[in-house]
Amino acid sequence: MAAASLPELCLERIFKYLSNDLNSQYSCILINRYWCSSLISKLWENPFEILRIKKKNNSNSNLYLINTYLTCLPQDIQNFIGIQEISKPTLFKYPNYLRYISTQSIKNSVVKWAKLKNIKETPKFKTYLFNKENNEVPIEAVDSITRILIEYFFMNSTYIKGIDQYLGRYLNVYQIPNAETKLSQIQNFKCGTEPFSGIVSYISKISKDIRQLEIRLKVKENFNNIDDNNNNNNNNNNNNNNLEGKFTTPLKDIINLIKFQRNLKQILIQYNPLFYSRNEILDLWNNLMIHKENLIEIVFSKINFGYKFPLELLSKFYNLKKLSFIDCEIENVYPLDFILPIFEEFDHNDNSQLIDDIQSFRKLGILFIRTSNIKMDKIEILLQQASSSLHSLELFNLDTLTDLEDFTPYFSNITKLTVGINMRWKIVTSIVMLANNLKEIHIYDGRNNESNDLYIHMKPMTADNFLCEIGKVMGEKVQTFRFTLDWYFNPNSLNTFLKRCNINRSNRLKILDFRNFKYFSNEHLDKVIEYCDGSLNYFYCDEHHSFTKENLLRAKRSIRNVIIEKQEY
């Protein structure tokens, strides 16, 4: 069968395979009209999320996206918001394809669009809508356009898969025809404690097939509304005392939302135990236990496990495949265990048979830890149980993981390692040395950079020793190496790394990525060409002033795909 007429299911599988390669996805729709019409809906089902996760500056993309959607609006709505001229109608009805209505992502895109919008470019607006001093779109127009787009998306999308609770801030869903039908089909819902028109309670009654749920409860004493512009700094203390009663979604609505789902697969849960009683937390978790057979992914965010947290319940989710800890605390707490507290003296080493019979974490494939203070001995049983199934390890901020070096043997079966390096980079080489099945390594700057000012003034780091050592211990199965950080290394160190990687190896590197390293020069490129000639499928780096046309041509002849990205200043 010719590729030009592959069945739509085959095209979807190709597109899914290319899910992390947006450029290749766009190339697919250029093959012919059939491919384009079959795949265009996939590209436009969640474009705001694509822009949100882009690492590079995406302001121009926001400009194009919002301009496109404004052009899709009916004539009467265009007149209402002041559009007086468009270049030409769009080829497709793009709003029909939108599947995820993330109100904050939409508003952020409109804000970025407003800052770049040129009043002389189409779609043209009536000039009175712009500030005369700077020709910028005023904030009032931004809010109006955001509201109009969200309402139009909701009305025209043929199938809505995901929303957030802030939809109730922009729409009165009770007055929209077919709103209940649309919302009853959602599979992705994000909610918190801010009650916009009681939408959490409404969703809990009509939506029974949510697969992915995000619950972000109160974590700070000072409640901040979603839109800082709506904060009233003149509230007196008496008004502040009533904030929780006035603005907080009852926890029972969220508990009911959890309780009534039929096929919950993924959940993110975030709360501060200080704001909830132990009974409330237990009630929340008892209802979550209804889904212990179905849940395959749990993300914990901003939770202190040492305070009113039923840690032992975690071991009941036997089918868990991915577990994440983000900004969590696991320190002053009994170690994760499967034994009741009355058996605190139970010795796991002397009862290995009992441990072997326990199924907890035996299916865990991905462990993700970011900016969390964890004493690794507290979760040793988790690591031990998952040691055979764990294939992907993602560690952010090594400094907050106490005694990590003592537990590296549990990572011997991983095939993918994503880690931020700092002064403790030797731990990374220890993991790589033990992981004989490792196929992909992604290294980035793991130093704490919570403050942008602090990050700017951080002492520059060098990666010469790290590259030489990692090249020495890398196994033969590693085919992807991504080093996306700005630690300087000289061409000789790169020479040593590549020589150790590609000499006397049956499987040579296929993907090499040095983006974000702004000093990748013509000399560095020479080393890549020398040692990777004919073997690399993809090579990525940032543009450098020293690159010569001759060397770039050599690189493109010897490497199948060379991607040189322009640096943003």
Protein backbone atom coordinates (compact mmCIF):
# COMPACT_ATOMS: atom_id res chain seq x y z
CA MET A 1 0.00 0.00 0.00
CA ALA A 2 1.33 3.44 -0.95
CA ALA A 3 2.20 5.77 1.90
CA ALA A 4 0.01 8.41 0.27
CA SER A 5 -3.13 6.40 1.10
CA LEU A 6 -2.36 4.70 4.40
CA PRO A 7 -5.40 4.02 6.62
CA GLU A 8 -6.14 6.78 9.12
CA LEU A 9 -5.28 4.47 12.04
CA CYS A 10 -1.76 4.01 10.64
CA LEU A 11 -1.38 7.77 10.28
CA GLU A 12 -2.44 8.25 13.89
CA ARG A 13 0.20 5.77 15.04
CA ILE A 14 2.87 7.55 13.01
CA PHE A 15 1.76 10.84 14.51
CA LYS A 16 1.83 9.41 18.02
CA TYR A 17 5.34 8.08 17.43
CA LEU A 18 6.39 11.61 16.47
CA SER A 19 4.62 13.19 19.46
CA ASN A 20 7.86 14.72 20.78
CA ASP A 21 8.97 16.02 17.39
CA LEU A 22 6.70 18.89 16.39
CA ASN A 23 8.68 19.73 13.25
CA SER A 24 8.25 16.20 11.91
CA GLN A 25 4.54 16.32 12.71
CA TYR A 26 4.15 19.46 10.63
CA SER A 27 6.13 17.80 7.84
CA CYS A 28 3.56 15.00 7.76
CA ILE A 29 0.72 17.34 6.82
CA LEU A 30 2.74 18.61 3.86
CA ILE A 31 3.00 15.20 2.18
CA ASN A 32 -0.33 15.44 0.37
CA ARG A 33 -3.93 16.51 0.82
CA TYR A 34 -4.99 13.18 2.34
CA TRP A 35 -2.32 13.26 5.04
CA CYS A 36 -3.12 16.89 5.75
CA SER A 37 -6.88 16.41 6.15
CA SER A 38 -6.34 13.28 8.26
CA LEU A 39 -3.79 14.75 10.66
CA ILE A 40 -4.59 18.46 10.92
CA SER A 41 -7.06 17.82 13.75
CA LYS A 42 -4.30 16.20 15.83
CA LEU A 43 -2.05 19.24 15.50
CA TRP A 44 -4.82 21.56 16.61
CA GLU A 45 -6.36 19.61 19.47
CA ASN A 46 -4.17 21.25 22.15
CA PRO A 47 -1.99 24.03 20.63
CA PHE A 48 -1.94 26.18 23.78
CA GLU A 49 -0.30 23.38 25.74
CA ILE A 50 2.32 22.96 23.01
CA LEU A 51 3.22 26.64 23.35
CA ARG A 52 3.28 26.41 27.14
CA ILE A 53 5.86 23.64 27.26
CA LYS A 54 8.11 25.13 24.58
CA LYS A 55 11.45 26.07 26.12
CA LYS A 56 12.40 28.68 23.57
CA ASN A 57 10.79 32.08 23.16
CA ASN A 58 7.40 31.44 21.57
CA SER A 59 5.89 34.93 21.37
CA ASN A 60 5.67 34.85 17.56
CA SER A 61 3.91 31.50 17.77
CA ASN A 62 1.37 33.03 20.15
CA LEU A 63 0.85 35.89 17.70
CA TYR A 64 0.19 33.49 14.84
CA LEU A 65 -2.08 31.25 16.91
CA ILE A 66 -4.37 34.00 18.22
CA ASN A 67 -4.49 35.73 14.82
CA THR A 68 -5.60 32.43 13.29
CA TYR A 69 -8.36 31.89 15.85
CA LEU A 70 -9.59 35.50 15.52
CA THR A 71 -9.84 34.99 11.77
CA CYS A 72 -12.07 31.96 12.41
CA LEU A 73 -14.65 33.99 14.36
CA PRO A 74 -18.01 34.79 12.71
CA GLN A 75 -18.36 38.22 11.13
CA ASP A 76 -20.66 39.60 13.84
CA ILE A 77 -18.18 38.66 16.60
CA GLN A 78 -15.29 40.13 14.61
CA ASN A 79 -17.24 43.37 14.31
CA PHE A 80 -17.99 43.32 18.04
CA ILE A 81 -14.31 43.13 19.03
CA GLY A 82 -13.28 45.65 16.38
CA ILE A 83 -11.76 43.54 13.61
CA GLN A 84 -12.24 45.45 10.39
CA GLU A 85 -10.06 43.56 7.93
CA ILE A 86 -8.72 40.01 7.54
CA SER A 87 -6.37 38.72 4.87
CA LYS A 88 -8.31 35.62 3.83
CA PRO A 89 -10.48 32.93 5.45
CA THR A 90 -8.72 29.96 7.05
CA LEU A 91 -8.57 26.63 5.24
CA PHE A 92 -9.93 24.73 8.24
CA LYS A 93 -12.30 25.42 11.11
CA TYR A 94 -9.57 25.15 13.72
CA PRO A 95 -11.77 25.80 16.80
CA ASN A 96 -13.69 22.62 15.96
CA TYR A 97 -10.54 20.57 16.57
CA LEU A 98 -9.72 22.00 20.02
CA ARG A 99 -10.08 19.28 22.66
CA TYR A 100 -8.59 20.92 25.76
CA ILE A 101 -9.82 24.29 27.04
CA SER A 102 -7.13 25.47 29.45
CA THR A 103 -8.35 28.96 30.33
CA GLN A 104 -5.07 30.15 31.80
CA SER A 105 -3.02 28.98 28.81
CA ILE A 106 -5.48 30.72 26.50
CA LYS A 107 -5.30 33.97 28.47
CA ASN A 108 -1.49 33.85 28.61
CA SER A 109 -1.38 33.47 24.83
CA VAL A 110 -3.74 36.41 24.36
CA VAL A 111 -1.60 38.56 26.67
CA LYS A 112 1.54 37.73 24.66
CA TRP A 113 -0.36 38.34 21.43
CA ALA A 114 -1.47 41.78 22.68
CA LYS A 115 2.11 42.84 23.40
CA LEU A 116 3.25 42.01 19.87
CA LYS A 117 0.17 42.88 17.86
CA ASN A 118 0.92 45.38 15.09
CA ILE A 119 -2.11 47.53 14.28
CA LYS A 120 -1.02 47.70 10.65
CA GLU A 121 -0.99 43.91 10.17
CA THR A 122 -4.01 41.72 9.51
CA PRO A 123 -6.29 40.98 11.13
CA LYS A 124 -6.60 44.77 11.45
CA PHE A 125 -8.47 46.34 14.35
CA LYS A 126 -10.15 49.67 14.69
CA THR A 127 -7.50 52.06 15.96
CA TYR A 128 -9.58 53.27 18.89
CA LEU A 129 -9.08 49.87 20.51
CA PHE A 130 -5.36 50.56 20.92
CA ASN A 131 -3.62 52.79 23.45
CA LYS A 132 -2.68 55.93 21.56
CA GLU A 133 0.58 56.30 23.48
CA ASN A 134 2.10 52.93 22.61
CA ASN A 135 -0.36 51.36 20.13
CA GLU A 136 -0.75 48.34 22.45
CA VAL A 137 -3.95 46.41 23.04
CA PRO A 138 -5.41 47.57 26.40
CA ILE A 139 -6.00 45.07 29.20
CA GLU A 140 -9.78 45.48 28.87
CA ALA A 141 -9.61 44.27 25.27
CA VAL A 142 -7.40 41.33 26.34
CA ASP A 143 -10.01 40.19 28.86
CA SER A 144 -12.80 40.60 26.32
CA ILE A 145 -10.97 38.66 23.60
CA THR A 146 -10.05 35.90 26.07
CA ARG A 147 -13.67 35.53 27.13
CA ILE A 148 -14.94 35.53 23.55
CA LEU A 149 -12.40 32.90 22.43
CA ILE A 150 -13.13 30.60 25.37
CA GLU A 151 -16.87 30.81 24.76
CA TYR A 152 -16.41 30.21 21.03
CA PHE A 153 -14.12 27.22 21.67
CA PHE A 154 -16.63 25.69 24.06
CA MET A 155 -19.55 26.19 21.69
CA ASN A 156 -17.79 24.95 18.54
CA SER A 157 -15.48 22.15 19.67
CA THR A 158 -16.95 18.90 18.45
CA TYR A 159 -15.60 17.01 21.46
CA ILE A 160 -14.09 18.44 24.65
CA LYS A 161 -11.68 16.12 26.46
CA GLY A 162 -10.33 18.45 29.13
CA ILE A 163 -11.15 21.66 31.02
CA ASP A 164 -10.16 23.44 34.22
CA GLN A 165 -12.50 24.77 36.86
CA TYR A 166 -11.75 28.37 35.86
CA LEU A 167 -14.01 27.82 32.88
CA GLY A 168 -16.75 28.91 35.27
CA ARG A 169 -15.11 32.30 35.50
CA TYR A 170 -15.64 32.95 31.80
CA LEU A 171 -18.83 31.04 31.09
CA ASN A 172 -22.17 30.44 32.73
CA VAL A 173 -22.31 26.81 31.66
CA TYR A 174 -25.83 26.41 33.03
CA GLN A 175 -27.19 28.68 30.28
CA ILE A 176 -25.33 27.14 27.34
CA PRO A 177 -27.23 24.60 25.22
CA ASN A 178 -25.71 21.10 25.29
CA ALA A 179 -23.22 22.15 27.99
CA GLU A 180 -24.14 19.18 30.14
CA THR A 181 -23.61 16.78 27.24
CA LYS A 182 -20.21 18.29 26.45
CA LEU A 183 -19.03 18.29 30.08
CA SER A 184 -20.28 14.78 30.78
CA GLN A 185 -17.72 13.50 28.26
CA ILE A 186 -14.59 15.15 29.67
CA GLN A 187 -11.66 12.92 30.60
CA ASN A 188 -9.29 15.55 31.99
CA PHE A 189 -10.20 18.00 34.77
CA LYS A 190 -8.11 20.44 36.81
CA CYS A 191 -9.57 21.84 40.00
CA GLY A 192 -8.65 23.63 43.21
CA THR A 193 -10.32 25.53 46.01
CA GLU A 194 -11.52 28.52 44.00
CA PRO A 195 -15.25 28.03 43.34
CA PHE A 196 -16.22 29.63 40.05
CA SER A 197 -20.01 29.25 39.77
CA GLY A 198 -19.90 25.94 41.65
CA ILE A 199 -18.45 24.15 38.66
CA VAL A 200 -16.65 21.49 40.76
CA SER A 201 -19.94 20.46 42.33
CA TYR A 202 -21.59 20.49 38.90
CA ILE A 203 -18.85 18.40 37.30
CA SER A 204 -18.96 15.88 40.16
CA LYS A 205 -22.63 15.21 39.36
CA ILE A 206 -22.47 14.85 35.58
CA SER A 207 -18.92 13.72 34.70
CA LYS A 208 -18.25 10.09 35.55
CA ASP A 209 -15.50 9.21 33.09
CA ILE A 210 -12.63 11.47 34.14
CA ARG A 211 -9.34 9.65 33.50
CA GLN A 212 -6.89 12.38 34.54
CA LEU A 213 -7.60 14.59 37.57
CA GLU A 214 -5.57 17.44 39.09
CA ILE A 215 -6.50 18.59 42.59
CA ARG A 216 -4.63 21.62 43.88
CA LEU A 217 -5.90 22.55 47.32
CA LYS A 218 -4.88 25.42 49.56
CA VAL A 219 -1.13 25.50 50.29
CA LYS A 220 -0.61 29.06 51.57
CA GLU A 221 -2.06 31.08 54.42
CA ASN A 222 -2.70 34.11 52.23
CA PHE A 223 -5.24 33.15 49.62
CA ASN A 224 -4.49 34.57 46.20
CA ASN A 225 -7.15 34.59 43.55
CA ILE A 226 -6.29 33.25 40.13
CA ASP A 227 -6.09 36.74 38.65
CA ASP A 228 -3.84 39.09 40.60
CA ASN A 229 -5.60 42.02 39.01
CA ASN A 230 -8.73 41.11 40.95
CA ASN A 231 -7.01 41.22 44.34
CA ASN A 232 -8.22 43.99 46.59
CA ASN A 233 -5.33 45.19 48.70
CA ASN A 234 -7.63 47.38 50.79
CA ASN A 235 -9.49 44.55 52.49
CA ASN A 236 -9.51 44.95 56.24
CA ASN A 237 -8.73 42.20 58.72
CA ASN A 238 -12.40 41.43 59.31
CA ASN A 239 -12.93 40.72 55.63
CA ASN A 240 -9.81 38.53 55.56
CA ASN A 241 -11.26 36.36 58.30
CA ASN A 242 -14.10 35.42 55.96
CA LEU A 243 -11.96 34.58 52.93
CA GLU A 244 -11.98 30.85 53.40
CA GLY A 245 -15.71 30.58 53.83
CA LYS A 246 -16.37 32.86 50.87
CA PHE A 247 -13.85 31.63 48.33
CA THR A 248 -13.04 28.01 49.14
CA THR A 249 -14.64 25.10 47.35
CA PRO A 250 -15.96 22.65 49.96
CA LEU A 251 -13.64 19.68 50.20
CA LYS A 252 -16.68 17.43 50.05
CA ASP A 253 -17.28 18.48 46.42
CA ILE A 254 -13.78 17.36 45.48
CA ILE A 255 -14.20 14.14 47.46
CA ASN A 256 -17.46 13.45 45.62
CA LEU A 257 -15.71 14.17 42.33
CA ILE A 258 -13.18 11.44 43.17
CA LYS A 259 -15.80 9.04 44.48
CA PHE A 260 -18.07 9.05 41.43
CA GLN A 261 -15.45 8.37 38.74
CA ARG A 262 -15.56 5.02 36.97
CA ASN A 263 -12.12 4.80 35.40
CA LEU A 264 -9.69 7.19 37.10
CA LYS A 265 -6.16 6.50 35.83
CA GLN A 266 -4.02 9.50 36.78
CA ILE A 267 -4.20 11.96 39.65
CA LEU A 268 -2.18 14.95 40.85
CA ILE A 269 -2.87 15.88 44.44
CA GLN A 270 -1.56 18.98 46.20
CA TYR A 271 -2.41 20.30 49.65
CA ASN A 272 -0.91 21.63 52.86
CA PRO A 273 -1.86 19.36 55.79
CA LEU A 274 -1.85 22.38 58.13
CA PHE A 275 -5.12 23.58 56.62
CA TYR A 276 -7.00 20.30 56.93
CA SER A 277 -7.83 17.98 59.79
CA ARG A 278 -6.58 14.41 59.81
CA ASN A 279 -10.18 13.20 59.35
CA GLU A 280 -10.54 15.33 56.21
CA ILE A 281 -7.31 13.95 54.80
CA LEU A 282 -8.31 10.38 55.63
CA ASP A 283 -11.71 10.95 54.03
CA LEU A 284 -9.98 12.19 50.90
CA TRP A 285 -7.69 9.17 50.80
CA ASN A 286 -10.35 6.63 51.68
CA ASN A 287 -12.27 7.74 48.60
CA LEU A 288 -9.13 7.68 46.52
CA MET A 289 -8.64 4.07 47.61
CA ILE A 290 -11.76 3.22 45.61
CA HIS A 291 -9.52 3.55 42.56
CA LYS A 292 -6.53 1.58 43.85
CA GLU A 293 -6.96 -1.04 41.12
CA ASN A 294 -7.28 1.50 38.28
CA LEU A 295 -4.78 4.21 39.18
CA ILE A 296 -1.54 3.93 37.23
CA GLU A 297 -0.06 7.37 37.99
CA ILE A 298 0.05 9.52 41.14
CA VAL A 299 1.73 12.92 41.42
CA PHE A 300 2.27 14.35 44.90
CA SER A 301 2.86 18.10 45.01
CA LYS A 302 3.87 20.29 47.99
CA ILE A 303 2.98 17.62 50.55
CA ASN A 304 4.74 17.07 53.87
CA PHE A 305 4.52 13.32 54.40
CA GLY A 306 5.45 13.65 58.06
CA TYR A 307 2.27 15.44 59.03
CA LYS A 308 -1.12 13.69 59.05
CA PHE A 309 -0.37 11.71 55.92
CA PRO A 310 -1.41 8.05 55.71
CA LEU A 311 1.83 6.97 54.02
CA GLU A 312 1.06 3.28 54.40
CA LEU A 313 -1.86 3.65 51.96
CA LEU A 314 0.57 4.34 49.14
CA SER A 315 1.56 0.69 49.07
CA LYS A 316 -2.02 -0.35 48.25
CA PHE A 317 -1.89 0.92 44.66
CA TYR A 318 -0.62 -2.31 43.14
CA ASN A 319 -0.93 -1.24 39.49
CA LEU A 320 0.99 2.02 39.84
CA LYS A 321 3.27 2.64 36.83
CA LYS A 322 4.42 6.20 37.47
CA LEU A 323 5.04 7.98 40.78
CA SER A 324 6.11 11.62 41.15
CA PHE A 325 7.16 13.76 44.11
CA ILE A 326 7.25 17.53 43.44
CA ASP A 327 8.26 19.95 46.23
CA CYS A 328 7.53 17.30 48.86
CA GLU A 329 9.01 16.45 52.27
CA ILE A 330 9.78 12.86 53.30
CA GLU A 331 12.11 13.19 56.26
CA ASN A 332 10.62 13.11 59.76
CA VAL A 333 8.42 10.11 59.16
CA TYR A 334 8.50 6.36 59.67
CA PRO A 335 9.95 4.61 56.61
CA LEU A 336 7.44 3.52 54.00
CA ASP A 337 6.38 0.09 55.17
CA PHE A 338 3.87 -2.68 54.63
CA ILE A 339 3.83 -3.75 58.27
CA LEU A 340 1.48 -2.41 60.93
CA PRO A 341 3.05 -0.05 63.53
CA ILE A 342 2.90 -2.71 66.27
CA PHE A 343 5.60 -4.59 64.33
CA GLU A 344 8.08 -1.71 64.24
CA GLU A 345 10.95 -4.09 65.00
CA PHE A 346 10.19 -6.15 61.89
CA ASP A 347 13.45 -6.84 60.02
CA HIS A 348 13.00 -6.94 56.24
CA ASN A 349 16.38 -8.58 55.69
CA ASP A 350 15.34 -11.56 57.82
CA ASN A 351 11.95 -11.88 56.15
CA SER A 352 12.81 -11.66 52.46
CA GLN A 353 10.18 -14.27 51.53
CA LEU A 354 7.40 -12.11 52.96
CA ILE A 355 8.71 -9.11 51.03
CA ASP A 356 8.80 -11.18 47.83
CA ASP A 357 5.10 -11.97 48.24
CA ILE A 358 4.12 -8.29 48.39
CA GLN A 359 3.07 -6.84 45.03
CA SER A 360 3.38 -3.14 45.88
CA PHE A 361 5.39 -1.10 43.34
CA ARG A 362 6.22 -4.21 41.29
CA LYS A 363 4.79 -2.51 38.17
CA LEU A 364 6.33 0.91 38.79
CA GLY A 365 8.14 1.97 35.62
CA ILE A 366 8.79 5.70 36.12
CA LEU A 367 10.01 7.52 39.24
CA PHE A 368 10.09 11.32 39.09
CA ILE A 369 11.51 13.45 41.94
CA ARG A 370 11.83 17.25 41.73
CA THR A 371 12.89 19.76 44.41
CA SER A 372 11.80 17.40 47.16
CA ASN A 373 13.59 16.87 50.47
CA ILE A 374 13.73 13.11 50.79
CA LYS A 375 15.77 10.85 53.02
CA MET A 376 16.14 7.97 50.63
CA ASP A 377 16.11 5.36 53.38
CA LYS A 378 12.48 6.33 54.07
CA ILE A 379 11.46 4.96 50.66
CA GLU A 380 13.95 2.09 50.41
CA ILE A 381 11.18 -0.51 50.25
CA LEU A 382 9.68 1.35 47.29
CA LEU A 383 13.04 1.33 45.49
CA GLN A 384 13.63 -2.31 46.33
CA GLN A 385 10.21 -3.44 45.12
CA ALA A 386 10.48 -1.42 41.88
CA SER A 387 14.08 -2.31 41.08
CA SER A 388 13.11 -4.86 38.41
CA SER A 389 10.35 -2.85 36.74
CA LEU A 390 11.80 0.68 36.96
CA HIS A 391 12.89 1.79 33.48
CA SER A 392 12.86 5.60 33.72
CA LEU A 393 14.43 7.66 36.50
CA GLU A 394 14.09 11.46 36.65
CA LEU A 395 15.92 13.27 39.45
CA PHE A 396 15.86 17.05 39.86
CA ASN A 397 18.06 18.71 42.50
CA LEU A 398 20.42 16.04 43.82
CA ASP A 399 21.27 18.12 46.89
CA THR A 400 17.86 17.46 48.44
CA LEU A 401 18.10 13.65 48.17
CA THR A 402 19.90 12.48 51.30
CA ASP A 403 22.16 9.40 50.96
CA LEU A 404 21.15 8.83 47.34
CA GLU A 405 24.54 7.27 46.60
CA ASP A 406 23.71 4.36 48.94
CA PHE A 407 20.72 3.32 46.85
CA THR A 408 22.06 3.47 43.28
CA PRO A 409 22.07 -0.37 42.92
CA TYR A 410 18.26 -0.25 42.80
CA PHE A 411 18.51 1.66 39.49
CA SER A 412 20.48 -1.00 37.62
CA ASN A 413 17.63 -1.86 35.21
CA ILE A 414 16.68 1.63 34.04
CA THR A 415 16.79 2.40 30.31
CA LYS A 416 16.31 6.18 30.58
CA LEU A 417 17.99 8.62 32.98
CA THR A 418 17.05 12.29 33.25
CA VAL A 419 19.03 14.14 35.88
CA GLY A 420 20.20 17.59 36.86
CA ILE A 421 23.89 17.66 37.75
CA ASN A 422 25.63 19.87 40.27
CA MET A 423 28.73 19.45 42.42
CA ARG A 424 27.51 15.92 43.25
CA TRP A 425 27.76 14.77 39.62
CA LYS A 426 29.73 11.65 40.60
CA ILE A 427 26.45 10.12 41.78
CA VAL A 428 25.29 10.31 38.17
CA THR A 429 28.33 8.42 36.91
CA SER A 430 27.69 5.78 39.59
CA ILE A 431 24.14 5.26 38.33
CA VAL A 432 25.26 5.13 34.69
CA MET A 433 28.01 2.62 35.48
CA LEU A 434 25.52 0.21 37.10
CA ALA A 435 22.73 0.66 34.54
CA ASN A 436 23.82 -1.76 31.82
CA ASN A 437 20.50 -1.46 29.97
CA LEU A 438 20.62 2.33 29.74
CA LYS A 439 19.61 3.63 26.29
CA GLU A 440 18.96 7.34 26.86
CA ILE A 441 20.66 9.96 29.06
CA HIS A 442 19.44 13.53 29.50
CA ILE A 443 21.63 15.89 31.56
CA TYR A 444 20.71 19.44 32.51
CA ASP A 445 21.77 22.04 35.12
CA GLY A 446 20.52 20.78 38.46
CA ARG A 447 21.67 23.65 40.63
CA ASN A 448 18.92 25.30 42.63
CA ASN A 449 17.70 28.29 40.63
CA GLU A 450 14.49 29.27 42.40
CA SER A 451 15.57 32.91 42.26
CA ASN A 452 16.31 34.21 38.78
CA ASP A 453 18.71 36.81 40.21
CA LEU A 454 20.61 34.09 42.05
CA TYR A 455 20.76 31.98 38.90
CA ILE A 456 22.19 34.86 36.88
CA HIS A 457 25.03 35.31 39.38
CA MET A 458 25.81 31.62 39.83
CA LYS A 459 29.44 30.72 39.39
CA PRO A 460 29.97 29.18 35.92
CA MET A 461 30.60 25.45 36.02
CA THR A 462 32.79 23.33 33.78
CA ALA A 463 31.85 19.89 32.52
CA ASP A 464 35.24 18.66 31.30
CA ASN A 465 35.69 16.05 34.04
CA PHE A 466 32.05 14.99 33.92
CA LEU A 467 32.10 14.35 30.16
CA CYS A 468 35.30 12.34 30.36
CA GLU A 469 33.99 10.21 33.24
CA ILE A 470 30.50 9.66 31.83
CA GLY A 471 32.01 8.55 28.53
CA LYS A 472 34.14 6.02 30.39
CA VAL A 473 31.25 4.34 32.23
CA MET A 474 28.48 4.51 29.60
CA GLY A 475 27.25 1.10 28.50
CA GLU A 476 27.07 -0.09 24.91
CA LYS A 477 23.30 0.28 24.69
CA VAL A 478 23.24 4.07 25.12
CA GLN A 479 22.11 5.60 21.84
CA THR A 480 20.79 9.00 22.98
CA PHE A 481 22.84 11.56 24.89
CA ARG A 482 21.35 14.97 25.63
CA PHE A 483 23.53 17.53 27.42
CA THR A 484 21.27 20.59 27.51
CA LEU A 485 23.00 22.97 29.90
CA ASP A 486 25.51 25.79 29.72
CA TRP A 487 28.47 24.25 31.56
CA TYR A 488 31.59 24.92 29.53
CA PHE A 489 33.70 22.06 28.20
CA ASN A 490 36.60 22.33 25.78
CA PRO A 491 36.89 20.46 22.45
CA ASN A 492 39.48 18.07 23.89
CA SER A 493 37.03 16.88 26.56
CA LEU A 494 34.38 16.36 23.89
CA ASN A 495 36.99 14.45 21.89
CA THR A 496 37.63 12.15 24.87
CA PHE A 497 33.90 11.64 25.46
CA LEU A 498 33.11 10.78 21.84
CA LYS A 499 36.15 8.54 21.51
CA ARG A 500 35.12 6.53 24.55
CA CYS A 501 31.51 6.39 23.35
CA ASN A 502 32.06 5.31 19.78
CA ILE A 503 35.32 3.34 19.71
CA ASN A 504 34.98 -0.42 20.26
CA ARG A 505 31.20 -0.20 20.63
CA SER A 506 28.85 -2.34 18.59
CA ASN A 507 26.05 0.24 19.04
CA ARG A 508 27.14 3.81 18.41
CA LEU A 509 25.36 7.00 19.43
CA LYS A 510 22.31 7.84 17.31
CA ILE A 511 21.14 11.11 18.91
CA LEU A 512 23.49 13.78 20.26
CA ASP A 513 22.06 16.98 21.75
CA PHE A 514 24.07 19.98 23.02
CA ARG A 515 21.38 22.66 22.95
CA ASN A 516 21.68 25.46 25.55
CA PHE A 517 25.49 25.16 25.47
CA LYS A 518 26.21 28.54 23.90
CA TYR A 519 29.96 27.90 23.52
CA PHE A 520 29.59 24.99 21.11
CA SER A 521 32.09 26.19 18.51
CA ASN A 522 33.45 25.16 15.13
CA GLU A 523 36.16 23.14 16.92
CA HIS A 524 33.53 21.22 18.87
CA LEU A 525 31.66 20.54 15.64
CA ASP A 526 34.87 19.13 14.11
CA LYS A 527 35.03 16.48 16.85
CA VAL A 528 31.42 15.44 16.29
CA ILE A 529 32.02 15.03 12.56
CA GLU A 530 35.22 13.07 13.18
CA TYR A 531 33.79 10.49 15.58
CA CYS A 532 30.15 10.32 14.49
CA ASP A 533 30.54 10.29 10.72
CA GLY A 534 27.76 8.15 9.29
CA SER A 535 26.39 6.93 12.63
CA LEU A 536 24.35 9.84 14.02
CA ASN A 537 20.68 10.16 13.07
CA TYR A 538 20.15 13.49 14.85
CA PHE A 539 22.51 16.21 16.05
CA TYR A 540 21.31 19.32 17.90
CA CYS A 541 23.20 22.41 18.99
CA ASP A 542 22.80 26.18 19.22
CA GLU A 543 24.04 28.50 16.53
CA HIS A 544 27.57 29.86 17.07
CA HIS A 545 29.38 32.71 15.30
CA SER A 546 32.44 30.53 14.62
CA PHE A 547 30.57 27.99 12.48
CA THR A 548 31.82 28.01 8.89
CA LYS A 549 29.71 27.16 5.89
CA GLU A 550 32.17 24.43 4.95
CA ASN A 551 31.92 22.73 8.33
CA LEU A 552 28.14 22.96 8.43
CA LEU A 553 28.03 21.39 4.98
CA ARG A 554 30.36 18.60 6.15
CA ALA A 555 28.12 18.01 9.16
CA LYS A 556 24.99 17.77 7.01
CA ARG A 557 26.70 15.31 4.69
CA SER A 558 27.86 12.99 7.48
CA ILE A 559 24.85 13.28 9.83
CA ARG A 560 21.33 12.50 8.68
CA ASN A 561 19.61 15.36 10.52
CA VAL A 562 21.47 18.47 11.74
CA ILE A 563 19.35 20.93 13.72
CA ILE A 564 21.03 24.26 14.52
CA GLU A 565 18.87 26.48 16.71
CA LYS A 566 19.23 30.23 16.97
CA GLN A 567 20.07 31.55 20.42
CA GLU A 568 17.61 33.87 22.13
CA TYR A 569 19.12 36.92 23.83
